[in-house]
Amino acid sequence: MGSDSEVEKSAQKEREKKKMQALAPIAKPLAGKKLCKRTLKLVRKAAEHKCLKRGVKEVVKSIRRGQKGFCVIAGNISPIDVVTHVPILCEEAEIPYVYVPSKEDLANAGATKRPTCCVLVTTKPNKGELSKEDQDKIKAIHDEVVGDVKELHANLF
C-alpha cells in the first residue's frame, strides 16, 4: 500500500494533466513549470503593491492608453474568443506576454476569488507611491521574468 505522499503526488500529477488538456490551441508561448512559478510570484507581488490590472476589459483599456508592463494570460479560457485579441494588442504595443496553464492559479496569485483571464503587471502602482525598496524588488523580478519570456518568444518564432 502506498503512503499518503505517493497518493498526493499522483493526485497532483492528475490535476496537472487535466490542466494541460484544457489548454487552448493558441496558448503559445506557454510558460514552463519554473517560469510559471516565477510569473505567478511576480503577479502575487504586484497584487500586494497594487501594481496589477485584472481582467480583459481593464487590461485592454490600459494597453490602449499606452501603459507598459507585462501581460499574463490564462491558457484554459473557454470560449477562447474572449482573449484572442489580447496578444495582438500586446505585440502592437511591444508588451511582452506569456500564457500560464490555469485561470484559477492566476486568480489566486492576483488575490481574487474569481478566475481571471488575464492580468497586466505594471512597475508603478495604480494610486500612490511605492517605497524605493519595494519598487526595486518588483522591478528585479519583473526584469528577470520578462527576460525569460523574451527568450521563450525568440525560440518560438
N, C-alpha and C. Protein backbone atom coordinates (compact mmCIF):
# COMPACT_ATOMS: atom_id res chain seq x y z
N MET A 1 0.84 -1.18 0.00
CA MET A 1 0.00 0.00 0.00
C MET A 1 0.89 1.24 0.00
N GLY A 2 0.56 2.25 -0.79
CA GLY A 2 1.35 3.46 -0.91
C GLY A 2 1.12 4.41 0.25
N SER A 3 2.10 5.25 0.48
CA SER A 3 1.97 6.24 1.54
C SER A 3 1.11 7.40 1.06
N ASP A 4 0.75 8.27 2.01
CA ASP A 4 -0.08 9.42 1.68
C ASP A 4 0.61 10.35 0.69
N SER A 5 1.93 10.48 0.84
CA SER A 5 2.64 11.39 -0.05
C SER A 5 2.60 10.88 -1.49
N GLU A 6 2.64 9.56 -1.68
CA GLU A 6 2.56 9.00 -3.03
C GLU A 6 1.17 9.24 -3.63
N VAL A 7 0.14 9.12 -2.81
CA VAL A 7 -1.23 9.36 -3.26
C VAL A 7 -1.39 10.83 -3.62
N GLU A 8 -0.85 11.72 -2.78
CA GLU A 8 -0.92 13.15 -3.06
C GLU A 8 -0.18 13.50 -4.34
N LYS A 9 0.99 12.88 -4.54
CA LYS A 9 1.77 13.14 -5.75
C LYS A 9 1.02 12.70 -7.00
N SER A 10 0.38 11.54 -6.93
CA SER A 10 -0.35 11.05 -8.10
C SER A 10 -1.58 11.93 -8.37
N ALA A 11 -2.23 12.41 -7.31
CA ALA A 11 -3.37 13.32 -7.47
C ALA A 11 -2.91 14.64 -8.09
N GLN A 12 -1.75 15.12 -7.64
CA GLN A 12 -1.18 16.36 -8.18
C GLN A 12 -0.86 16.20 -9.67
N LYS A 13 -0.28 15.05 -10.04
CA LYS A 13 0.04 14.80 -11.45
C LYS A 13 -1.23 14.74 -12.29
N GLU A 14 -2.27 14.14 -11.73
CA GLU A 14 -3.56 14.05 -12.43
C GLU A 14 -4.15 15.44 -12.67
N ARG A 15 -4.06 16.34 -11.66
CA ARG A 15 -4.55 17.70 -11.82
C ARG A 15 -3.75 18.44 -12.89
N GLU A 16 -2.44 18.26 -12.89
CA GLU A 16 -1.59 18.90 -13.89
C GLU A 16 -1.96 18.41 -15.29
N LYS A 17 -2.24 17.13 -15.40
CA LYS A 17 -2.61 16.55 -16.69
C LYS A 17 -3.92 17.15 -17.20
N LYS A 18 -4.89 17.32 -16.29
CA LYS A 18 -6.17 17.91 -16.67
C LYS A 18 -6.00 19.36 -17.11
N LYS A 19 -5.12 20.11 -16.41
CA LYS A 19 -4.85 21.50 -16.79
C LYS A 19 -4.31 21.57 -18.21
N MET A 20 -3.39 20.66 -18.52
CA MET A 20 -2.76 20.69 -19.84
C MET A 20 -3.75 20.29 -20.94
N GLN A 21 -4.69 19.41 -20.62
CA GLN A 21 -5.69 19.01 -21.61
C GLN A 21 -6.68 20.13 -21.90
N ALA A 22 -6.91 20.99 -20.93
CA ALA A 22 -7.89 22.07 -21.09
C ALA A 22 -7.30 23.29 -21.80
N LEU A 23 -6.02 23.25 -22.15
CA LEU A 23 -5.37 24.39 -22.79
C LEU A 23 -5.94 24.67 -24.18
N ALA A 24 -6.03 25.93 -24.50
CA ALA A 24 -6.48 26.35 -25.83
C ALA A 24 -5.33 26.16 -26.82
N PRO A 25 -5.65 25.91 -28.08
CA PRO A 25 -4.59 25.70 -29.07
C PRO A 25 -3.75 26.94 -29.35
N ILE A 26 -4.24 28.14 -29.02
CA ILE A 26 -3.47 29.35 -29.29
C ILE A 26 -2.57 29.74 -28.12
N ALA A 27 -2.53 28.94 -27.06
CA ALA A 27 -1.78 29.29 -25.85
C ALA A 27 -0.28 29.11 -26.06
N LYS A 28 0.28 29.96 -26.87
CA LYS A 28 1.72 29.94 -27.13
C LYS A 28 2.23 31.36 -27.08
N PRO A 29 3.29 31.67 -26.42
CA PRO A 29 4.21 30.80 -25.69
C PRO A 29 3.66 30.46 -24.31
N LEU A 30 3.70 29.19 -23.99
CA LEU A 30 3.23 28.71 -22.70
C LEU A 30 4.41 28.62 -21.75
N ALA A 31 4.25 29.17 -20.56
CA ALA A 31 5.33 29.14 -19.56
C ALA A 31 5.52 27.71 -19.07
N GLY A 32 6.77 27.30 -18.93
CA GLY A 32 7.08 26.00 -18.34
C GLY A 32 6.83 26.06 -16.84
N LYS A 33 7.13 24.96 -16.16
CA LYS A 33 6.85 24.89 -14.73
C LYS A 33 7.59 25.98 -13.93
N LYS A 34 8.89 26.11 -14.17
CA LYS A 34 9.69 27.10 -13.43
C LYS A 34 9.26 28.52 -13.75
N LEU A 35 9.12 28.81 -15.04
CA LEU A 35 8.73 30.16 -15.46
C LEU A 35 7.33 30.49 -14.97
N CYS A 36 6.44 29.50 -14.98
CA CYS A 36 5.08 29.71 -14.49
C CYS A 36 5.10 30.08 -13.01
N LYS A 37 5.92 29.37 -12.25
CA LYS A 37 6.03 29.64 -10.81
C LYS A 37 6.54 31.05 -10.56
N ARG A 38 7.58 31.45 -11.30
CA ARG A 38 8.14 32.80 -11.13
C ARG A 38 7.17 33.88 -11.61
N THR A 39 6.44 33.57 -12.68
CA THR A 39 5.45 34.53 -13.20
C THR A 39 4.34 34.76 -12.18
N LEU A 40 3.84 33.68 -11.60
CA LEU A 40 2.77 33.81 -10.60
C LEU A 40 3.29 34.51 -9.33
N LYS A 41 4.57 34.31 -9.02
CA LYS A 41 5.17 35.03 -7.88
C LYS A 41 5.20 36.53 -8.17
N LEU A 42 5.54 36.89 -9.40
CA LEU A 42 5.53 38.30 -9.81
C LEU A 42 4.13 38.88 -9.72
N VAL A 43 3.14 38.13 -10.17
CA VAL A 43 1.74 38.59 -10.11
C VAL A 43 1.33 38.78 -8.65
N ARG A 44 1.73 37.86 -7.78
CA ARG A 44 1.41 37.96 -6.35
C ARG A 44 2.01 39.22 -5.74
N LYS A 45 3.29 39.48 -6.03
CA LYS A 45 3.96 40.69 -5.51
C LYS A 45 3.28 41.95 -6.04
N ALA A 46 2.95 41.94 -7.32
CA ALA A 46 2.30 43.10 -7.93
C ALA A 46 0.93 43.34 -7.31
N ALA A 47 0.21 42.28 -7.01
CA ALA A 47 -1.10 42.42 -6.39
C ALA A 47 -0.98 43.01 -4.98
N GLU A 48 0.05 42.61 -4.24
CA GLU A 48 0.28 43.14 -2.89
C GLU A 48 0.50 44.64 -2.93
N HIS A 49 1.21 45.11 -3.95
CA HIS A 49 1.59 46.52 -4.04
C HIS A 49 0.69 47.31 -4.99
N LYS A 50 -0.43 46.71 -5.39
CA LYS A 50 -1.42 47.37 -6.25
C LYS A 50 -0.83 47.84 -7.58
N CYS A 51 -0.02 46.97 -8.19
CA CYS A 51 0.58 47.25 -9.49
C CYS A 51 0.01 46.29 -10.53
N LEU A 52 -1.29 46.00 -10.44
CA LEU A 52 -1.88 44.95 -11.25
C LEU A 52 -3.22 45.40 -11.84
N LYS A 53 -3.42 45.11 -13.11
CA LYS A 53 -4.71 45.31 -13.77
C LYS A 53 -5.28 43.92 -14.04
N ARG A 54 -6.53 43.68 -13.59
CA ARG A 54 -7.13 42.36 -13.72
C ARG A 54 -8.26 42.37 -14.74
N GLY A 55 -8.37 41.30 -15.50
CA GLY A 55 -9.49 41.14 -16.42
C GLY A 55 -9.23 41.72 -17.80
N VAL A 56 -9.92 41.17 -18.78
CA VAL A 56 -9.71 41.55 -20.17
C VAL A 56 -10.01 43.03 -20.39
N LYS A 57 -11.14 43.49 -19.87
CA LYS A 57 -11.55 44.88 -20.10
C LYS A 57 -10.52 45.87 -19.57
N GLU A 58 -10.07 45.66 -18.35
CA GLU A 58 -9.10 46.56 -17.73
C GLU A 58 -7.75 46.51 -18.43
N VAL A 59 -7.32 45.30 -18.80
CA VAL A 59 -6.02 45.13 -19.47
C VAL A 59 -6.04 45.81 -20.83
N VAL A 60 -7.08 45.59 -21.61
CA VAL A 60 -7.18 46.19 -22.94
C VAL A 60 -7.20 47.71 -22.83
N LYS A 61 -7.95 48.23 -21.87
CA LYS A 61 -8.03 49.67 -21.68
C LYS A 61 -6.64 50.24 -21.35
N SER A 62 -5.91 49.57 -20.47
CA SER A 62 -4.57 50.03 -20.08
C SER A 62 -3.61 49.99 -21.26
N ILE A 63 -3.66 48.93 -22.06
CA ILE A 63 -2.76 48.82 -23.21
C ILE A 63 -3.07 49.92 -24.22
N ARG A 64 -4.34 50.17 -24.47
CA ARG A 64 -4.73 51.20 -25.44
C ARG A 64 -4.33 52.59 -24.96
N ARG A 65 -4.28 52.79 -23.65
CA ARG A 65 -3.87 54.09 -23.10
C ARG A 65 -2.36 54.25 -23.06
N GLY A 66 -1.63 53.21 -23.45
CA GLY A 66 -0.18 53.31 -23.54
C GLY A 66 0.57 52.90 -22.30
N GLN A 67 -0.10 52.24 -21.38
CA GLN A 67 0.58 51.80 -20.16
C GLN A 67 1.45 50.60 -20.49
N LYS A 68 2.67 50.58 -19.96
CA LYS A 68 3.61 49.49 -20.22
C LYS A 68 3.60 48.52 -19.05
N GLY A 69 4.04 47.31 -19.33
CA GLY A 69 4.09 46.30 -18.29
C GLY A 69 4.36 44.93 -18.88
N PHE A 70 3.76 43.93 -18.25
CA PHE A 70 3.95 42.54 -18.64
C PHE A 70 2.59 41.85 -18.53
N CYS A 71 2.14 41.22 -19.59
CA CYS A 71 0.81 40.63 -19.64
C CYS A 71 0.90 39.12 -19.41
N VAL A 72 0.04 38.62 -18.53
CA VAL A 72 -0.06 37.19 -18.26
C VAL A 72 -1.48 36.75 -18.62
N ILE A 73 -1.58 35.75 -19.50
CA ILE A 73 -2.88 35.29 -19.99
C ILE A 73 -3.08 33.84 -19.60
N ALA A 74 -4.28 33.50 -19.16
CA ALA A 74 -4.60 32.11 -18.81
C ALA A 74 -4.82 31.32 -20.09
N GLY A 75 -4.36 30.09 -20.11
CA GLY A 75 -4.45 29.25 -21.31
C GLY A 75 -5.70 28.41 -21.37
N ASN A 76 -6.45 28.30 -20.29
CA ASN A 76 -7.62 27.42 -20.29
C ASN A 76 -8.94 28.20 -20.31
N ILE A 77 -8.99 29.25 -21.08
CA ILE A 77 -10.19 30.08 -21.17
C ILE A 77 -11.16 29.46 -22.17
N SER A 78 -12.42 29.46 -21.80
CA SER A 78 -13.44 28.96 -22.70
C SER A 78 -14.63 29.91 -22.67
N PRO A 79 -15.08 30.45 -23.75
CA PRO A 79 -14.58 30.34 -25.11
C PRO A 79 -13.30 31.17 -25.30
N ILE A 80 -12.44 30.69 -26.14
CA ILE A 80 -11.13 31.31 -26.33
C ILE A 80 -11.24 32.68 -27.00
N ASP A 81 -12.36 32.96 -27.66
CA ASP A 81 -12.56 34.24 -28.34
C ASP A 81 -12.46 35.43 -27.38
N VAL A 82 -12.64 35.17 -26.10
CA VAL A 82 -12.59 36.24 -25.10
C VAL A 82 -11.22 36.91 -25.06
N VAL A 83 -10.15 36.12 -25.26
CA VAL A 83 -8.80 36.67 -25.11
C VAL A 83 -7.96 36.64 -26.39
N THR A 84 -8.53 36.26 -27.52
CA THR A 84 -7.71 36.13 -28.73
C THR A 84 -7.12 37.44 -29.22
N HIS A 85 -7.73 38.56 -28.89
CA HIS A 85 -7.22 39.86 -29.35
C HIS A 85 -6.13 40.43 -28.45
N VAL A 86 -6.00 39.92 -27.23
CA VAL A 86 -5.04 40.48 -26.27
C VAL A 86 -3.59 40.31 -26.74
N PRO A 87 -3.16 39.11 -27.21
CA PRO A 87 -1.77 39.00 -27.68
C PRO A 87 -1.45 39.94 -28.84
N ILE A 88 -2.42 40.18 -29.70
CA ILE A 88 -2.20 41.08 -30.84
C ILE A 88 -1.98 42.51 -30.33
N LEU A 89 -2.81 42.94 -29.39
CA LEU A 89 -2.63 44.27 -28.80
C LEU A 89 -1.27 44.38 -28.11
N CYS A 90 -0.87 43.32 -27.41
CA CYS A 90 0.42 43.32 -26.71
C CYS A 90 1.58 43.45 -27.71
N GLU A 91 1.49 42.72 -28.81
CA GLU A 91 2.56 42.79 -29.82
C GLU A 91 2.63 44.18 -30.44
N GLU A 92 1.48 44.78 -30.73
CA GLU A 92 1.48 46.12 -31.31
C GLU A 92 2.06 47.15 -30.36
N ALA A 93 1.79 46.98 -29.05
CA ALA A 93 2.29 47.92 -28.05
C ALA A 93 3.66 47.53 -27.51
N GLU A 94 4.25 46.45 -28.06
CA GLU A 94 5.56 45.93 -27.64
C GLU A 94 5.57 45.59 -26.15
N ILE A 95 4.51 44.94 -25.70
CA ILE A 95 4.41 44.47 -24.33
C ILE A 95 4.62 42.96 -24.33
N PRO A 96 5.58 42.46 -23.56
CA PRO A 96 5.77 41.01 -23.52
C PRO A 96 4.58 40.31 -22.85
N TYR A 97 4.24 39.12 -23.34
CA TYR A 97 3.13 38.37 -22.76
C TYR A 97 3.48 36.89 -22.73
N VAL A 98 2.83 36.17 -21.83
CA VAL A 98 3.03 34.73 -21.73
C VAL A 98 1.73 34.10 -21.24
N TYR A 99 1.51 32.86 -21.62
CA TYR A 99 0.35 32.11 -21.16
C TYR A 99 0.74 31.24 -19.97
N VAL A 100 -0.14 31.13 -19.01
CA VAL A 100 0.00 30.18 -17.91
C VAL A 100 -1.14 29.17 -18.04
N PRO A 101 -0.94 27.94 -17.55
CA PRO A 101 -1.94 26.89 -17.79
C PRO A 101 -3.32 27.13 -17.17
N SER A 102 -3.41 27.79 -16.02
CA SER A 102 -4.67 27.80 -15.29
C SER A 102 -5.14 29.20 -14.92
N LYS A 103 -6.41 29.48 -15.20
CA LYS A 103 -7.01 30.76 -14.81
C LYS A 103 -7.23 30.81 -13.30
N GLU A 104 -7.44 29.66 -12.67
CA GLU A 104 -7.63 29.62 -11.22
C GLU A 104 -6.33 29.99 -10.49
N ASP A 105 -5.20 29.45 -10.98
CA ASP A 105 -3.90 29.79 -10.38
C ASP A 105 -3.59 31.28 -10.56
N LEU A 106 -3.94 31.80 -11.72
CA LEU A 106 -3.72 33.23 -12.00
C LEU A 106 -4.55 34.09 -11.06
N ALA A 107 -5.78 33.68 -10.80
CA ALA A 107 -6.65 34.42 -9.87
C ALA A 107 -6.11 34.36 -8.45
N ASN A 108 -5.64 33.20 -8.01
CA ASN A 108 -5.07 33.06 -6.67
C ASN A 108 -3.85 33.96 -6.51
N ALA A 109 -3.00 33.99 -7.51
CA ALA A 109 -1.81 34.85 -7.45
C ALA A 109 -2.20 36.32 -7.47
N GLY A 110 -3.27 36.65 -8.19
CA GLY A 110 -3.72 38.04 -8.30
C GLY A 110 -4.62 38.48 -7.17
N ALA A 111 -4.77 37.64 -6.16
CA ALA A 111 -5.55 37.95 -4.95
C ALA A 111 -7.02 38.21 -5.24
N THR A 112 -7.63 37.39 -6.13
CA THR A 112 -9.06 37.47 -6.37
C THR A 112 -9.66 36.07 -6.25
N LYS A 113 -10.93 36.03 -5.94
CA LYS A 113 -11.60 34.74 -5.80
C LYS A 113 -12.12 34.22 -7.15
N ARG A 114 -12.44 35.14 -8.06
CA ARG A 114 -12.97 34.74 -9.37
C ARG A 114 -11.82 34.39 -10.32
N PRO A 115 -11.99 33.35 -11.12
CA PRO A 115 -10.96 33.02 -12.11
C PRO A 115 -10.72 34.20 -13.04
N THR A 116 -9.47 34.47 -13.35
CA THR A 116 -9.09 35.65 -14.12
C THR A 116 -8.49 35.25 -15.46
N CYS A 117 -8.96 35.88 -16.54
CA CYS A 117 -8.48 35.56 -17.89
C CYS A 117 -7.07 36.08 -18.11
N CYS A 118 -6.83 37.32 -17.74
CA CYS A 118 -5.52 37.91 -17.96
C CYS A 118 -5.27 39.04 -16.97
N VAL A 119 -3.99 39.32 -16.75
CA VAL A 119 -3.59 40.43 -15.89
C VAL A 119 -2.44 41.17 -16.56
N LEU A 120 -2.32 42.45 -16.22
CA LEU A 120 -1.22 43.27 -16.69
C LEU A 120 -0.44 43.74 -15.47
N VAL A 121 0.81 43.32 -15.40
CA VAL A 121 1.68 43.71 -14.28
C VAL A 121 2.42 44.97 -14.68
N THR A 122 2.24 46.03 -13.89
CA THR A 122 2.96 47.28 -14.14
C THR A 122 4.00 47.46 -13.04
N THR A 123 4.98 48.30 -13.27
CA THR A 123 6.01 48.52 -12.26
C THR A 123 5.67 49.70 -11.35
N LYS A 124 4.64 50.45 -11.73
CA LYS A 124 4.20 51.58 -10.89
C LYS A 124 2.80 51.29 -10.38
N PRO A 125 2.51 51.66 -9.12
CA PRO A 125 1.17 51.38 -8.57
C PRO A 125 0.09 52.25 -9.21
N ASN A 126 -1.16 51.76 -9.12
CA ASN A 126 -2.30 52.50 -9.68
C ASN A 126 -2.49 53.83 -8.97
N LYS A 127 -2.39 53.81 -7.65
CA LYS A 127 -2.55 55.02 -6.85
C LYS A 127 -1.42 55.10 -5.84
N GLY A 128 -1.01 56.30 -5.53
CA GLY A 128 0.02 56.49 -4.51
C GLY A 128 1.41 56.17 -5.02
N GLU A 129 2.31 56.00 -4.08
CA GLU A 129 3.72 55.73 -4.39
C GLU A 129 4.19 54.50 -3.64
N LEU A 130 5.16 53.82 -4.22
CA LEU A 130 5.80 52.68 -3.57
C LEU A 130 7.12 53.15 -2.96
N SER A 131 7.52 52.46 -1.91
CA SER A 131 8.85 52.77 -1.36
C SER A 131 9.88 52.30 -2.38
N LYS A 132 11.04 52.92 -2.35
CA LYS A 132 12.10 52.61 -3.31
C LYS A 132 12.48 51.13 -3.24
N GLU A 133 12.51 50.58 -2.03
CA GLU A 133 12.88 49.18 -1.82
C GLU A 133 11.88 48.23 -2.49
N ASP A 134 10.57 48.48 -2.26
CA ASP A 134 9.54 47.64 -2.85
C ASP A 134 9.54 47.74 -4.37
N GLN A 135 9.73 48.95 -4.88
CA GLN A 135 9.75 49.16 -6.32
C GLN A 135 10.93 48.42 -6.95
N ASP A 136 12.08 48.44 -6.27
CA ASP A 136 13.26 47.73 -6.78
C ASP A 136 13.03 46.21 -6.78
N LYS A 137 12.37 45.69 -5.74
CA LYS A 137 12.07 44.25 -5.68
C LYS A 137 11.19 43.83 -6.85
N ILE A 138 10.10 44.57 -7.05
CA ILE A 138 9.18 44.24 -8.15
C ILE A 138 9.89 44.37 -9.48
N LYS A 139 10.67 45.43 -9.65
CA LYS A 139 11.37 45.67 -10.91
C LYS A 139 12.36 44.54 -11.20
N ALA A 140 13.06 44.04 -10.17
CA ALA A 140 14.03 42.96 -10.35
C ALA A 140 13.35 41.68 -10.81
N ILE A 141 12.25 41.31 -10.13
CA ILE A 141 11.52 40.10 -10.52
C ILE A 141 10.92 40.28 -11.91
N HIS A 142 10.38 41.47 -12.17
CA HIS A 142 9.77 41.80 -13.46
C HIS A 142 10.80 41.64 -14.58
N ASP A 143 11.98 42.22 -14.41
CA ASP A 143 13.01 42.15 -15.45
C ASP A 143 13.47 40.72 -15.70
N GLU A 144 13.59 39.94 -14.64
CA GLU A 144 14.02 38.54 -14.76
C GLU A 144 12.99 37.73 -15.55
N VAL A 145 11.72 37.87 -15.20
CA VAL A 145 10.66 37.12 -15.88
C VAL A 145 10.52 37.58 -17.32
N VAL A 146 10.56 38.88 -17.56
CA VAL A 146 10.43 39.41 -18.92
C VAL A 146 11.58 38.92 -19.80
N GLY A 147 12.78 38.87 -19.24
CA GLY A 147 13.92 38.34 -20.00
C GLY A 147 13.70 36.90 -20.42
N ASP A 148 13.19 36.08 -19.50
CA ASP A 148 12.91 34.68 -19.83
C ASP A 148 11.80 34.56 -20.87
N VAL A 149 10.79 35.42 -20.76
CA VAL A 149 9.68 35.38 -21.72
C VAL A 149 10.16 35.79 -23.11
N LYS A 150 11.00 36.80 -23.19
CA LYS A 150 11.53 37.23 -24.49
C LYS A 150 12.36 36.12 -25.11
N GLU A 151 13.11 35.40 -24.28
CA GLU A 151 13.89 34.26 -24.76
C GLU A 151 12.96 33.16 -25.29
N LEU A 152 11.86 32.94 -24.58
CA LEU A 152 10.86 31.96 -24.98
C LEU A 152 10.23 32.36 -26.32
N HIS A 153 9.93 33.65 -26.49
CA HIS A 153 9.38 34.16 -27.76
C HIS A 153 10.39 33.94 -28.89
N ALA A 154 11.68 34.20 -28.63
CA ALA A 154 12.70 34.05 -29.66
C ALA A 154 12.80 32.60 -30.12
N ASN A 155 12.69 31.66 -29.18
CA ASN A 155 12.75 30.24 -29.52
C ASN A 155 11.50 29.78 -30.26
N LEU A 156 10.38 30.43 -29.98
CA LEU A 156 9.11 30.04 -30.58
C LEU A 156 9.01 30.48 -32.04
N PHE A 157 9.44 31.70 -32.31
CA PHE A 157 9.29 32.25 -33.67
C PHE A 157 10.55 32.14 -34.40
